[in-house]
Amino acid sequence: MPAVAGRFYPESAAKLDREVRELLTAGKADKPVVKASAAMAPHAGYVFSGGVAGTVFSRIEIPQRVVILCPNHTGRGKRIAVVDRGAFRIPGADVPIDHEMAEAILDEFPGAEQDRDAHRFEHAIEVEIPFLLARQPALRMVPIVLSMMSEVDAIELGNAVYRACQRIGASPGGEVLFVASSDMSHYLPDREARRVDKMALGPLLDFDPSELYRTVVGHEITMCGFIPATAMLSFARQANSRQPELVDYATSADAFGDTSQVVGYAGVVIPDSAG
């Protein structure tokens, strides 16, 4: 069931659909749509980060199969929590879980477990779904909530998702999209947030999962989804994807003008080898 409908985005299905389509239209900006193996999008309320999310999802083709990883904001549930069956509800729609893909991921990464509790009040996957569904009405997905894990495990998780794709014969880009849900730094003055976010985005755009992990941990950067992003880079490298591209960046100050304490939002697209 939705946890943040009416708070992070409209509770009315009609209003939600209208707002998402407006954000997607604004984000496209006459740019070509590309095939992508992976993408990173923010997960705040749409008034803050919806513009960046709209840019990300308007610029890429959305296949029917999407694997979405997000950080655990609630502390509930298993360390690597996969929903492997059923559906994920948003206003006006139930999005089916891709059981075949979920089972393949559970088999390929022994630390992953079937668990719904971590998802019960988590927002960071939920807010991505309306954008994905607007672009791909036949969407089916695998939602995964991640708690803290080591650099080695985060990289191996990305590799495991790639192996799961191979196992079921689904190619990244054309048939599967990996989405990392992440905001950037939290509650810094706007100028400092932009400096720190640039530091974290450096290794991400250099396609270096190990350096991304070490930079965020070593400099204590409050990028909440750096583990999903590390796994994303690992997955995309396995898929021989092209260089990551920063397609949009903003802070919460861009929405309301208060620069004293902001959250940063980055949109990243990783085109597949065919682009």
C-alpha atoms as a PDB file:
ATOM      1  CA  MET A   1       0.000   0.000   0.000  1.00  0.00           C
ATOM      2  CA  PRO A   2       1.212   3.568  -0.620  1.00  0.00           C
ATOM      3  CA  ALA A   3       2.926   5.193   2.360  1.00  0.00           C
ATOM      4  CA  VAL A   4       3.248   8.832   1.260  1.00  0.00           C
ATOM      5  CA  ALA A   5       0.325   9.498  -1.106  1.00  0.00           C
ATOM      6  CA  GLY A   6      -1.128  12.891  -0.240  1.00  0.00           C
ATOM      7  CA  ARG A   7       2.193  14.050   1.244  1.00  0.00           C
ATOM      8  CA  PHE A   8       5.005  13.531  -1.254  1.00  0.00           C
ATOM      9  CA  TYR A   9       2.660  13.529  -4.256  1.00  0.00           C
ATOM     10  CA  PRO A  10      -1.098  13.881  -4.900  1.00  0.00           C
ATOM     11  CA  GLU A  11      -3.433  11.312  -3.372  1.00  0.00           C
ATOM     12  CA  SER A  12      -5.911  11.657  -6.227  1.00  0.00           C
ATOM     13  CA  ALA A  13      -5.079   9.363  -9.150  1.00  0.00           C
ATOM     14  CA  ALA A  14      -6.168  12.003 -11.677  1.00  0.00           C
ATOM     15  CA  LYS A  15      -4.122  14.776 -10.045  1.00  0.00           C
ATOM     16  CA  LEU A  16      -1.108  12.469  -9.723  1.00  0.00           C
ATOM     17  CA  ASP A  17      -1.256  11.484 -13.382  1.00  0.00           C
ATOM     18  CA  ARG A  18      -1.550  15.122 -14.455  1.00  0.00           C
ATOM     19  CA  GLU A  19       1.355  16.291 -12.287  1.00  0.00           C
ATOM     20  CA  VAL A  20       3.654  13.467 -13.382  1.00  0.00           C
ATOM     21  CA  ARG A  21       2.929  14.056 -17.067  1.00  0.00           C
ATOM     22  CA  GLU A  22       3.594  17.772 -16.649  1.00  0.00           C
ATOM     23  CA  LEU A  23       6.946  17.005 -14.991  1.00  0.00           C
ATOM     24  CA  LEU A  24       7.849  14.532 -17.734  1.00  0.00           C
ATOM     25  CA  THR A  25       6.941  17.016 -20.448  1.00  0.00           C
ATOM     26  CA  ALA A  26       8.999  19.760 -18.812  1.00  0.00           C
ATOM     27  CA  GLY A  27      11.941  17.402 -18.348  1.00  0.00           C
ATOM     28  CA  LYS A  28      12.109  16.218 -21.936  1.00  0.00           C
ATOM     29  CA  ALA A  29      13.112  19.638 -23.291  1.00  0.00           C
ATOM     30  CA  ASP A  30      13.361  18.368 -26.892  1.00  0.00           C
ATOM     31  CA  LYS A  31      16.196  15.992 -25.946  1.00  0.00           C
ATOM     32  CA  PRO A  32      16.400  12.584 -27.681  1.00  0.00           C
ATOM     33  CA  VAL A  33      15.104   9.562 -25.799  1.00  0.00           C
ATOM     34  CA  VAL A  34      17.774   6.880 -25.332  1.00  0.00           C
ATOM     35  CA  LYS A  35      17.916   3.278 -24.203  1.00  0.00           C
ATOM     36  CA  ALA A  36      19.538   3.040 -20.796  1.00  0.00           C
ATOM     37  CA  SER A  37      20.729   0.153 -18.690  1.00  0.00           C
ATOM     38  CA  ALA A  38      20.472   2.189 -15.484  1.00  0.00           C
ATOM     39  CA  ALA A  39      19.477   5.525 -13.986  1.00  0.00           C
ATOM     40  CA  MET A  40      19.564   7.369 -10.672  1.00  0.00           C
ATOM     41  CA  ALA A  41      16.647   9.579  -9.639  1.00  0.00           C
ATOM     42  CA  PRO A  42      15.778  11.479  -6.444  1.00  0.00           C
ATOM     43  CA  HIS A  43      12.932  10.537  -4.118  1.00  0.00           C
ATOM     44  CA  ALA A  44      11.794  13.648  -2.241  1.00  0.00           C
ATOM     45  CA  GLY A  45       8.359  15.220  -2.499  1.00  0.00           C
ATOM     46  CA  TYR A  46       7.575  16.208  -6.064  1.00  0.00           C
ATOM     47  CA  VAL A  47       7.561  19.920  -5.209  1.00  0.00           C
ATOM     48  CA  PHE A  48      11.263  19.565  -4.357  1.00  0.00           C
ATOM     49  CA  SER A  49      12.700  16.878  -6.643  1.00  0.00           C
ATOM     50  CA  GLY A  50       9.958  16.105  -9.146  1.00  0.00           C
ATOM     51  CA  GLY A  51      11.592  18.250 -11.800  1.00  0.00           C
ATOM     52  CA  VAL A  52      14.834  16.255 -11.646  1.00  0.00           C
ATOM     53  CA  ALA A  53      12.969  12.942 -11.621  1.00  0.00           C
ATOM     54  CA  GLY A  54      10.893  14.098 -14.581  1.00  0.00           C
ATOM     55  CA  THR A  55      14.066  14.890 -16.511  1.00  0.00           C
ATOM     56  CA  VAL A  56      15.540  11.445 -15.829  1.00  0.00           C
ATOM     57  CA  PHE A  57      12.496   9.418 -16.791  1.00  0.00           C
ATOM     58  CA  SER A  58      11.597  11.551 -19.805  1.00  0.00           C
ATOM     59  CA  ARG A  59      15.043  11.042 -21.359  1.00  0.00           C
ATOM     60  CA  ILE A  60      15.102   7.209 -21.374  1.00  0.00           C
ATOM     61  CA  GLU A  61      13.042   4.365 -22.722  1.00  0.00           C
ATOM     62  CA  ILE A  62      11.328   2.446 -19.938  1.00  0.00           C
ATOM     63  CA  PRO A  63      11.200  -1.317 -20.581  1.00  0.00           C
ATOM     64  CA  GLN A  64       8.563  -3.521 -19.008  1.00  0.00           C
ATOM     65  CA  ARG A  65      11.006  -4.863 -16.413  1.00  0.00           C
ATOM     66  CA  VAL A  66      12.491  -2.467 -13.837  1.00  0.00           C
ATOM     67  CA  VAL A  67      14.569  -3.291 -10.753  1.00  0.00           C
ATOM     68  CA  ILE A  68      14.485  -0.446  -8.195  1.00  0.00           C
ATOM     69  CA  LEU A  69      16.899  -0.209  -5.262  1.00  0.00           C
ATOM     70  CA  CYS A  70      16.566   2.352  -2.486  1.00  0.00           C
ATOM     71  CA  PRO A  71      18.015   3.049   0.966  1.00  0.00           C
ATOM     72  CA  ASN A  72      16.175   2.060   4.111  1.00  0.00           C
ATOM     73  CA  HIS A  73      14.890   5.243   5.791  1.00  0.00           C
ATOM     74  CA  THR A  74      12.772   3.506   8.461  1.00  0.00           C
ATOM     75  CA  GLY A  75      15.149   0.926   9.966  1.00  0.00           C
ATOM     76  CA  ARG A  76      12.499  -1.766   9.522  1.00  0.00           C
ATOM     77  CA  GLY A  77      12.891  -5.203   7.998  1.00  0.00           C
ATOM     78  CA  LYS A  78      15.740  -7.213   6.547  1.00  0.00           C
ATOM     79  CA  ARG A  79      19.092  -5.827   5.421  1.00  0.00           C
ATOM     80  CA  ILE A  80      18.410  -6.594   1.751  1.00  0.00           C
ATOM     81  CA  ALA A  81      14.632  -6.717   1.481  1.00  0.00           C
ATOM     82  CA  VAL A  82      13.090  -8.003  -1.756  1.00  0.00           C
ATOM     83  CA  VAL A  83       9.363  -8.194  -2.491  1.00  0.00           C
ATOM     84  CA  ASP A  84       9.061 -11.253  -4.707  1.00  0.00           C
ATOM     85  CA  ARG A  85       5.352 -11.480  -5.468  1.00  0.00           C
ATOM     86  CA  GLY A  86       2.081  -9.538  -5.444  1.00  0.00           C
ATOM     87  CA  ALA A  87       1.733  -5.901  -6.459  1.00  0.00           C
ATOM     88  CA  PHE A  88       2.819  -2.413  -5.377  1.00  0.00           C
ATOM     89  CA  ARG A  89      -0.088   0.016  -5.101  1.00  0.00           C
ATOM     90  CA  ILE A  90      -0.095   3.694  -6.000  1.00  0.00           C
ATOM     91  CA  PRO A  91      -3.211   5.857  -6.448  1.00  0.00           C
ATOM     92  CA  GLY A  92      -5.111   4.479  -9.428  1.00  0.00           C
ATOM     93  CA  ALA A  93      -2.914   1.469 -10.152  1.00  0.00           C
ATOM     94  CA  ASP A  94      -1.456  -1.777  -8.857  1.00  0.00           C
ATOM     95  CA  VAL A  95       1.971  -2.479 -10.389  1.00  0.00           C
ATOM     96  CA  PRO A  96       2.762  -6.209 -10.467  1.00  0.00           C
ATOM     97  CA  ILE A  97       5.940  -7.612  -8.970  1.00  0.00           C
ATOM     98  CA  ASP A  98       8.169  -9.405 -11.477  1.00  0.00           C
ATOM     99  CA  HIS A  99       8.284 -12.746  -9.670  1.00  0.00           C
ATOM    100  CA  GLU A 100      10.690 -14.391 -12.114  1.00  0.00           C
ATOM    101  CA  MET A 101      13.258 -11.609 -11.829  1.00  0.00           C
ATOM    102  CA  ALA A 102      12.845 -11.358  -8.046  1.00  0.00           C
ATOM    103  CA  GLU A 103      13.456 -15.085  -7.596  1.00  0.00           C
ATOM    104  CA  ALA A 104      16.534 -14.908  -9.831  1.00  0.00           C
ATOM    105  CA  ILE A 105      17.969 -12.041  -7.738  1.00  0.00           C
ATOM    106  CA  LEU A 106      17.261 -13.905  -4.490  1.00  0.00           C
ATOM    107  CA  ASP A 107      19.073 -16.947  -5.873  1.00  0.00           C
ATOM    108  CA  GLU A 108      22.055 -14.963  -7.187  1.00  0.00           C
ATOM    109  CA  PHE A 109      22.649 -12.949  -3.999  1.00  0.00           C
ATOM    110  CA  PRO A 110      22.368 -15.172  -0.909  1.00  0.00           C
ATOM    111  CA  GLY A 111      22.202 -12.208   1.485  1.00  0.00           C
ATOM    112  CA  ALA A 112      18.954 -10.982  -0.073  1.00  0.00           C
ATOM    113  CA  GLU A 113      15.726 -12.051   1.619  1.00  0.00           C
ATOM    114  CA  GLN A 114      12.032 -11.901   0.840  1.00  0.00           C
ATOM    115  CA  ASP A 115      10.681  -9.221   3.164  1.00  0.00           C
ATOM    116  CA  ARG A 116       7.774  -6.764   3.053  1.00  0.00           C
ATOM    117  CA  ASP A 117       8.324  -5.057   6.403  1.00  0.00           C
ATOM    118  CA  ALA A 118      11.167  -2.863   5.122  1.00  0.00           C
ATOM    119  CA  HIS A 119       8.837  -1.597   2.370  1.00  0.00           C
ATOM    120  CA  ARG A 120       5.798  -0.925   4.545  1.00  0.00           C
ATOM    121  CA  PHE A 121       6.493   2.762   5.325  1.00  0.00           C
ATOM    122  CA  GLU A 122       9.326   3.383   2.867  1.00  0.00           C
ATOM    123  CA  HIS A 123       8.862   6.203   0.339  1.00  0.00           C
ATOM    124  CA  ALA A 124      11.971   6.020  -1.815  1.00  0.00           C
ATOM    125  CA  ILE A 125      10.677   3.419  -4.273  1.00  0.00           C
ATOM    126  CA  GLU A 126       7.051   4.500  -4.154  1.00  0.00           C
ATOM    127  CA  VAL A 127       7.699   8.011  -5.487  1.00  0.00           C
ATOM    128  CA  GLU A 128       9.519   6.669  -8.580  1.00  0.00           C
ATOM    129  CA  ILE A 129       6.668   4.388  -9.668  1.00  0.00           C
ATOM    130  CA  PRO A 130       4.225   6.989 -11.072  1.00  0.00           C
ATOM    131  CA  PHE A 131       6.943   8.268 -13.440  1.00  0.00           C
ATOM    132  CA  LEU A 132       7.819   4.768 -14.603  1.00  0.00           C
ATOM    133  CA  LEU A 133       4.195   3.771 -15.033  1.00  0.00           C
ATOM    134  CA  ALA A 134       3.373   6.909 -17.023  1.00  0.00           C
ATOM    135  CA  ARG A 135       6.124   5.954 -19.489  1.00  0.00           C
ATOM    136  CA  GLN A 136       5.473   2.194 -19.440  1.00  0.00           C
ATOM    137  CA  PRO A 137       1.862   1.059 -18.769  1.00  0.00           C
ATOM    138  CA  ALA A 138       2.952  -2.619 -18.860  1.00  0.00           C
ATOM    139  CA  LEU A 139       5.469  -2.048 -16.044  1.00  0.00           C
ATOM    140  CA  ARG A 140       6.433  -4.865 -13.720  1.00  0.00           C
ATOM    141  CA  MET A 141       9.074  -4.356 -11.082  1.00  0.00           C
ATOM    142  CA  VAL A 142      11.337  -5.747  -8.386  1.00  0.00           C
ATOM    143  CA  PRO A 143      11.544  -3.385  -5.370  1.00  0.00           C
ATOM    144  CA  ILE A 144      14.582  -3.809  -3.098  1.00  0.00           C
ATOM    145  CA  VAL A 145      15.246  -1.833   0.107  1.00  0.00           C
ATOM    146  CA  LEU A 146      18.872  -1.784   1.307  1.00  0.00           C
ATOM    147  CA  SER A 147      20.354  -1.146   4.717  1.00  0.00           C
ATOM    148  CA  MET A 148      24.060  -0.453   5.237  1.00  0.00           C
ATOM    149  CA  MET A 149      26.451  -2.889   3.568  1.00  0.00           C
ATOM    150  CA  SER A 150      30.121  -3.073   2.706  1.00  0.00           C
ATOM    151  CA  GLU A 151      31.660  -1.799  -0.502  1.00  0.00           C
ATOM    152  CA  VAL A 152      32.324  -5.387  -1.598  1.00  0.00           C
ATOM    153  CA  ASP A 153      28.730  -6.438  -0.965  1.00  0.00           C
ATOM    154  CA  ALA A 154      27.274  -3.384  -2.714  1.00  0.00           C
ATOM    155  CA  ILE A 155      29.350  -4.097  -5.815  1.00  0.00           C
ATOM    156  CA  GLU A 156      28.522  -7.790  -5.712  1.00  0.00           C
ATOM    157  CA  LEU A 157      24.816  -6.990  -5.446  1.00  0.00           C
ATOM    158  CA  GLY A 158      25.003  -5.075  -8.715  1.00  0.00           C
ATOM    159  CA  ASN A 159      26.840  -7.991 -10.284  1.00  0.00           C
ATOM    160  CA  ALA A 160      24.193 -10.389  -8.938  1.00  0.00           C
ATOM    161  CA  VAL A 161      21.360  -8.380 -10.504  1.00  0.00           C
ATOM    162  CA  TYR A 162      23.225  -8.546 -13.810  1.00  0.00           C
ATOM    163  CA  ARG A 163      23.605 -12.333 -13.461  1.00  0.00           C
ATOM    164  CA  ALA A 164      19.902 -12.576 -12.672  1.00  0.00           C
ATOM    165  CA  CYS A 165      19.147 -10.798 -15.948  1.00  0.00           C
ATOM    166  CA  GLN A 166      21.352 -13.263 -17.814  1.00  0.00           C
ATOM    167  CA  ARG A 167      19.727 -16.170 -16.025  1.00  0.00           C
ATOM    168  CA  ILE A 168      16.251 -15.288 -17.268  1.00  0.00           C
ATOM    169  CA  GLY A 169      17.416 -14.070 -20.667  1.00  0.00           C
ATOM    170  CA  ALA A 170      16.574 -10.382 -20.156  1.00  0.00           C
ATOM    171  CA  SER A 171      19.121  -7.907 -21.508  1.00  0.00           C
ATOM    172  CA  PRO A 172      19.875  -4.643 -19.641  1.00  0.00           C
ATOM    173  CA  GLY A 173      18.666  -1.607 -21.552  1.00  0.00           C
ATOM    174  CA  GLY A 174      16.353  -3.218 -24.045  1.00  0.00           C
ATOM    175  CA  GLU A 175      14.491  -5.391 -21.555  1.00  0.00           C
ATOM    176  CA  VAL A 176      15.569  -4.392 -18.026  1.00  0.00           C
ATOM    177  CA  LEU A 177      16.222  -1.024 -16.390  1.00  0.00           C
ATOM    178  CA  PHE A 178      18.096  -0.721 -13.077  1.00  0.00           C
ATOM    179  CA  VAL A 179      16.979   2.329 -11.045  1.00  0.00           C
ATOM    180  CA  ALA A 180      18.891   3.622  -8.021  1.00  0.00           C
ATOM    181  CA  SER A 181      16.727   5.873  -5.857  1.00  0.00           C
ATOM    182  CA  SER A 182      18.852   8.459  -4.064  1.00  0.00           C
ATOM    183  CA  ASP A 183      18.955  12.050  -2.905  1.00  0.00           C
ATOM    184  CA  MET A 184      22.290  13.788  -2.484  1.00  0.00           C
ATOM    185  CA  SER A 185      23.600  15.681   0.581  1.00  0.00           C
ATOM    186  CA  HIS A 186      21.184  16.674   3.368  1.00  0.00           C
ATOM    187  CA  TYR A 187      20.735  19.841   5.427  1.00  0.00           C
ATOM    188  CA  LEU A 188      23.796  21.830   4.441  1.00  0.00           C
ATOM    189  CA  PRO A 189      23.906  25.454   3.286  1.00  0.00           C
ATOM    190  CA  ASP A 190      23.201  25.548  -0.428  1.00  0.00           C
ATOM    191  CA  ARG A 191      26.727  26.473  -1.508  1.00  0.00           C
ATOM    192  CA  GLU A 192      28.283  23.738   0.647  1.00  0.00           C
ATOM    193  CA  ALA A 193      25.717  21.169  -0.544  1.00  0.00           C
ATOM    194  CA  ARG A 194      26.605  21.856  -4.166  1.00  0.00           C
ATOM    195  CA  ARG A 195      30.320  21.510  -3.404  1.00  0.00           C
ATOM    196  CA  VAL A 196      29.867  18.241  -1.535  1.00  0.00           C
ATOM    197  CA  ASP A 197      27.505  16.826  -4.140  1.00  0.00           C
ATOM    198  CA  LYS A 198      30.020  17.587  -6.882  1.00  0.00           C
ATOM    199  CA  MET A 199      32.563  15.602  -4.879  1.00  0.00           C
ATOM    200  CA  ALA A 200      30.256  12.557  -4.774  1.00  0.00           C
ATOM    201  CA  LEU A 201      29.144  12.897  -8.379  1.00  0.00           C
ATOM    202  CA  GLY A 202      32.763  12.889  -9.594  1.00  0.00           C
ATOM    203  CA  PRO A 203      33.394   9.134  -9.183  1.00  0.00           C
ATOM    204  CA  LEU A 204      29.806   8.333 -10.082  1.00  0.00           C
ATOM    205  CA  LEU A 205      30.184  10.047 -13.458  1.00  0.00           C
ATOM    206  CA  ASP A 206      33.650   8.501 -13.811  1.00  0.00           C
ATOM    207  CA  PHE A 207      31.927   5.089 -13.626  1.00  0.00           C
ATOM    208  CA  ASP A 208      33.870   4.037 -10.512  1.00  0.00           C
ATOM    209  CA  PRO A 209      31.664   2.213  -7.959  1.00  0.00           C
ATOM    210  CA  SER A 210      34.481   1.623  -5.451  1.00  0.00           C
ATOM    211  CA  GLU A 211      35.554   5.259  -5.473  1.00  0.00           C
ATOM    212  CA  LEU A 212      31.949   6.443  -5.112  1.00  0.00           C
ATOM    213  CA  TYR A 213      31.501   4.286  -2.015  1.00  0.00           C
ATOM    214  CA  ARG A 214      34.829   5.361  -0.513  1.00  0.00           C
ATOM    215  CA  THR A 215      34.290   9.046  -1.256  1.00  0.00           C
ATOM    216  CA  VAL A 216      30.870   9.122   0.402  1.00  0.00           C
ATOM    217  CA  VAL A 217      32.006   7.153   3.458  1.00  0.00           C
ATOM    218  CA  GLY A 218      35.413   8.838   3.754  1.00  0.00           C
ATOM    219  CA  HIS A 219      34.008  12.376   3.560  1.00  0.00           C
ATOM    220  CA  GLU A 220      30.852  11.541   5.526  1.00  0.00           C
ATOM    221  CA  ILE A 221      28.643  12.767   2.685  1.00  0.00           C
ATOM    222  CA  THR A 222      24.958  12.360   3.500  1.00  0.00           C
ATOM    223  CA  MET A 223      23.985  10.889   0.121  1.00  0.00           C
ATOM    224  CA  CYS A 224      21.317   8.509   1.371  1.00  0.00           C
ATOM    225  CA  GLY A 225      21.300   6.171  -1.634  1.00  0.00           C
ATOM    226  CA  PHE A 226      25.017   5.770  -2.245  1.00  0.00           C
ATOM    227  CA  ILE A 227      24.747   1.993  -1.770  1.00  0.00           C
ATOM    228  CA  PRO A 228      22.025   1.625  -4.445  1.00  0.00           C
ATOM    229  CA  ALA A 229      24.128   3.936  -6.640  1.00  0.00           C
ATOM    230  CA  THR A 230      27.244   1.811  -6.075  1.00  0.00           C
ATOM    231  CA  ALA A 231      25.309  -1.311  -7.050  1.00  0.00           C
ATOM    232  CA  MET A 232      23.907   0.548 -10.074  1.00  0.00           C
ATOM    233  CA  LEU A 233      27.386   1.388 -11.361  1.00  0.00           C
ATOM    234  CA  SER A 234      28.532  -2.195 -10.859  1.00  0.00           C
ATOM    235  CA  PHE A 235      25.514  -3.496 -12.758  1.00  0.00           C
ATOM    236  CA  ALA A 236      26.010  -1.049 -15.613  1.00  0.00           C
ATOM    237  CA  ARG A 237      29.707  -1.864 -15.916  1.00  0.00           C
ATOM    238  CA  GLN A 238      28.843  -5.556 -16.235  1.00  0.00           C
ATOM    239  CA  ALA A 239      26.409  -4.612 -18.999  1.00  0.00           C
ATOM    240  CA  ASN A 240      29.180  -2.745 -20.906  1.00  0.00           C
ATOM    241  CA  SER A 241      27.137   0.443 -20.719  1.00  0.00           C
ATOM    242  CA  ARG A 242      28.288   3.841 -21.877  1.00  0.00           C
ATOM    243  CA  GLN A 243      29.546   6.616 -19.593  1.00  0.00           C
ATOM    244  CA  PRO A 244      27.065   7.926 -16.976  1.00  0.00           C
ATOM    245  CA  GLU A 245      25.564  11.324 -17.785  1.00  0.00           C
ATOM    246  CA  LEU A 246      24.343  13.977 -15.346  1.00  0.00           C
ATOM    247  CA  VAL A 247      21.045  15.122 -16.888  1.00  0.00           C
ATOM    248  CA  ASP A 248      19.842  17.415 -14.098  1.00  0.00           C
ATOM    249  CA  TYR A 249      20.763  18.773 -10.688  1.00  0.00           C
ATOM    250  CA  ALA A 250      18.923  20.946  -8.171  1.00  0.00           C
ATOM    251  CA  THR A 251      18.627  21.619  -4.475  1.00  0.00           C
ATOM    252  CA  SER A 252      15.553  22.268  -2.381  1.00  0.00           C
ATOM    253  CA  ALA A 253      16.521  25.956  -2.480  1.00  0.00           C
ATOM    254  CA  ASP A 254      15.507  25.987  -6.147  1.00  0.00           C
ATOM    255  CA  ALA A 255      11.949  25.209  -5.055  1.00  0.00           C
ATOM    256  CA  PHE A 256      11.530  27.660  -2.172  1.00  0.00           C
ATOM    257  CA  GLY A 257      14.596  29.871  -2.065  1.00  0.00           C
ATOM    258  CA  ASP A 258      15.726  28.996   1.471  1.00  0.00           C
ATOM    259  CA  THR A 259      19.468  28.392   1.152  1.00  0.00           C
ATOM    260  CA  SER A 260      20.215  27.832   4.850  1.00  0.00           C
ATOM    261  CA  GLN A 261      19.612  24.062   4.913  1.00  0.00           C
ATOM    262  CA  VAL A 262      19.022  22.206   1.655  1.00  0.00           C
ATOM    263  CA  VAL A 263      18.863  18.734   0.180  1.00  0.00           C
ATOM    264  CA  GLY A 264      20.545  18.026  -3.147  1.00  0.00           C
ATOM    265  CA  TYR A 265      18.968  16.117  -6.052  1.00  0.00           C
ATOM    266  CA  ALA A 266      20.850  14.645  -9.014  1.00  0.00           C
ATOM    267  CA  GLY A 267      19.533  12.849 -12.076  1.00  0.00           C
ATOM    268  CA  VAL A 268      21.909  10.431 -13.802  1.00  0.00           C
ATOM    269  CA  VAL A 269      21.364   8.308 -16.923  1.00  0.00           C
ATOM    270  CA  ILE A 270      23.648   5.450 -18.013  1.00  0.00           C
ATOM    271  CA  PRO A 271      22.974   4.704 -21.698  1.00  0.00           C
ATOM    272  CA  ASP A 272      23.330   1.090 -22.744  1.00  0.00           C
ATOM    273  CA  SER A 273      25.919   0.019 -25.270  1.00  0.00           C
ATOM    274  CA  ALA A 274      23.476   0.584 -28.134  1.00  0.00           C
ATOM    275  CA  GLY A 275      22.417   3.963 -26.675  1.00  0.00           C
END
